[in-house]
Amino acid sequence: MAKLDLFGLVVKDMATSLNFYRLLGMEIPAEMDSEGHVEVMLPGGLRLAWDSLDVIMSFSDEWETPAGHRIGLAFLCDSPAEVDRLYEAVIAAGYEGHKRPWDAFWGQRYAQVKDPDDNVVDLFAPLP
């Protein structure tokens, strides 16, 4: 039986993408910014990877950049205030907001930002 072990993102600019995910708490060594392939181990053993377009094109020359919302990533924050703080930190760092923080009807403080490759990334925390 197969087991999900890794999920990956294809990125236009490795350093810019890794800096974005560092803002969200990912521990990624700075020396990885110039690599074509980067992996980090997540709690629970699943791996997250980033591949540059050059790496992808080296074995898949027919690859085309997808259009539209193609992956959903959500980061659990420590508190509703952390959702707000993190959203503002991402915007202040020059990345794009998608939806400002709000109290969602399902009982969470929620916000959405875009990573450098236009993937929508959710930030959330349970409301008290």
Protein backbone atom coordinates (compact mmCIF):
# COMPACT_ATOMS: atom_id res chain seq x y z
CA MET A 1 0.00 0.00 0.00
CA ALA A 2 1.27 3.47 -0.87
CA LYS A 3 1.70 6.11 1.84
CA LEU A 4 1.73 9.89 1.35
CA ASP A 5 5.31 10.93 2.15
CA LEU A 6 5.95 14.25 0.41
CA PHE A 7 4.06 17.08 -1.21
CA GLY A 8 5.79 19.68 -3.28
CA LEU A 9 5.46 23.15 -4.71
CA VAL A 10 6.90 24.30 -8.01
CA VAL A 11 8.34 27.79 -7.57
CA LYS A 12 9.50 30.58 -9.87
CA ASP A 13 12.01 32.00 -7.37
CA MET A 14 13.34 29.70 -4.65
CA ALA A 15 14.65 32.37 -2.27
CA THR A 16 11.46 34.44 -2.44
CA SER A 17 9.29 31.39 -1.85
CA LEU A 18 11.39 30.08 1.03
CA ASN A 19 11.39 33.52 2.68
CA PHE A 20 7.59 33.56 2.53
CA TYR A 21 7.32 30.16 4.22
CA ARG A 22 9.90 31.18 6.84
CA LEU A 23 7.52 34.00 7.81
CA LEU A 24 4.93 31.30 8.50
CA GLY A 25 7.29 29.47 10.85
CA MET A 26 8.95 26.96 8.55
CA GLU A 27 12.53 26.28 9.62
CA ILE A 28 14.48 26.36 6.37
CA PRO A 29 18.22 27.08 6.40
CA ALA A 30 19.17 30.25 4.49
CA GLU A 31 21.81 28.36 2.50
CA MET A 32 18.96 26.49 0.75
CA ASP A 33 17.86 29.68 -1.08
CA SER A 34 20.07 28.91 -4.08
CA GLU A 35 19.14 25.22 -4.38
CA GLY A 36 16.88 23.82 -7.08
CA HIS A 37 15.23 21.31 -4.71
CA VAL A 38 14.55 21.87 -1.01
CA GLU A 39 12.82 19.59 1.52
CA VAL A 40 11.83 19.99 5.15
CA MET A 41 10.52 17.34 7.51
CA LEU A 42 7.21 18.26 9.11
CA PRO A 43 5.94 17.04 12.48
CA GLY A 44 4.54 13.57 11.96
CA GLY A 45 7.09 12.66 9.30
CA LEU A 46 5.51 14.16 6.17
CA ARG A 47 7.89 16.18 3.98
CA LEU A 48 7.26 19.47 2.19
CA ALA A 49 9.39 20.22 -0.87
CA TRP A 50 10.01 23.11 -3.23
CA ASP A 51 11.32 22.62 -6.77
CA SER A 52 12.48 25.37 -9.10
CA LEU A 53 11.11 25.55 -12.63
CA ASP A 54 14.58 24.59 -13.90
CA VAL A 55 14.51 21.34 -11.93
CA ILE A 56 10.99 20.47 -13.10
CA MET A 57 11.83 21.27 -16.72
CA SER A 58 14.97 19.09 -16.53
CA PHE A 59 12.83 15.95 -16.47
CA SER A 60 9.46 17.19 -17.73
CA ASP A 61 9.93 19.54 -20.66
CA GLU A 62 6.20 19.53 -21.41
CA TRP A 63 5.33 20.92 -17.95
CA GLU A 64 3.15 24.04 -18.07
CA THR A 65 2.41 26.49 -15.30
CA PRO A 66 -1.08 25.70 -13.99
CA ALA A 67 -3.65 28.48 -13.83
CA GLY A 68 -5.93 29.24 -10.92
CA HIS A 69 -6.03 27.98 -7.36
CA ARG A 70 -4.13 24.67 -7.52
CA ILE A 71 -3.26 23.77 -3.94
CA GLY A 72 -4.56 24.66 -0.52
CA LEU A 73 -2.24 25.06 2.45
CA ALA A 74 -3.47 26.06 5.91
CA PHE A 75 -1.35 27.06 8.91
CA LEU A 76 -2.78 26.68 12.42
CA CYS A 77 -1.83 29.69 14.56
CA ASP A 78 -1.56 29.83 18.36
CA SER A 79 -4.39 32.34 18.77
CA PRO A 80 -6.74 34.65 16.87
CA ALA A 81 -4.32 37.51 17.62
CA GLU A 82 -1.52 35.48 16.01
CA VAL A 83 -3.59 35.20 12.81
CA ASP A 84 -3.82 38.99 12.69
CA ARG A 85 -0.13 39.48 13.55
CA LEU A 86 1.06 36.95 10.99
CA TYR A 87 -1.17 38.36 8.26
CA GLU A 88 0.26 41.85 8.88
CA ALA A 89 3.84 40.48 8.96
CA VAL A 90 3.38 38.79 5.58
CA ILE A 91 1.95 41.98 4.05
CA ALA A 92 4.69 44.13 5.62
CA ALA A 93 7.30 41.81 4.08
CA GLY A 94 5.91 42.65 0.62
CA TYR A 95 3.78 39.58 -0.04
CA GLU A 96 0.17 39.76 -1.17
CA GLY A 97 -2.88 39.47 1.03
CA HIS A 98 -5.87 37.60 -0.36
CA LYS A 99 -8.47 38.11 2.38
CA ARG A 100 -7.98 40.18 5.54
CA PRO A 101 -8.55 38.44 8.90
CA TRP A 102 -12.18 37.80 9.84
CA ASP A 103 -14.17 35.78 12.35
CA ALA A 104 -15.54 32.91 10.27
CA PHE A 105 -18.96 31.47 11.00
CA TRP A 106 -17.37 28.04 11.58
CA GLY A 107 -15.67 29.30 14.73
CA GLN A 108 -12.20 30.31 13.60
CA ARG A 109 -10.26 33.51 13.06
CA TYR A 110 -9.27 33.20 9.42
CA ALA A 111 -7.12 35.06 6.88
CA GLN A 112 -5.67 34.29 3.48
CA VAL A 113 -2.40 35.36 1.89
CA LYS A 114 -0.77 34.47 -1.42
CA ASP A 115 2.64 32.90 -1.69
CA PRO A 116 4.98 34.19 -4.43
CA ASP A 117 3.55 31.65 -6.89
CA ASP A 118 -0.09 32.75 -6.29
CA ASN A 119 -1.01 29.80 -4.07
CA VAL A 120 -3.60 30.85 -1.49
CA VAL A 121 -2.37 30.07 2.02
CA ASP A 122 -4.82 30.09 4.94
CA LEU A 123 -3.97 31.26 8.44
CA PHE A 124 -6.39 30.20 11.17
CA ALA A 125 -6.98 29.74 14.88
CA PRO A 126 -9.99 28.63 16.92
CA LEU A 127 -12.04 31.48 18.37
CA PRO A 128 -12.47 31.47 22.16
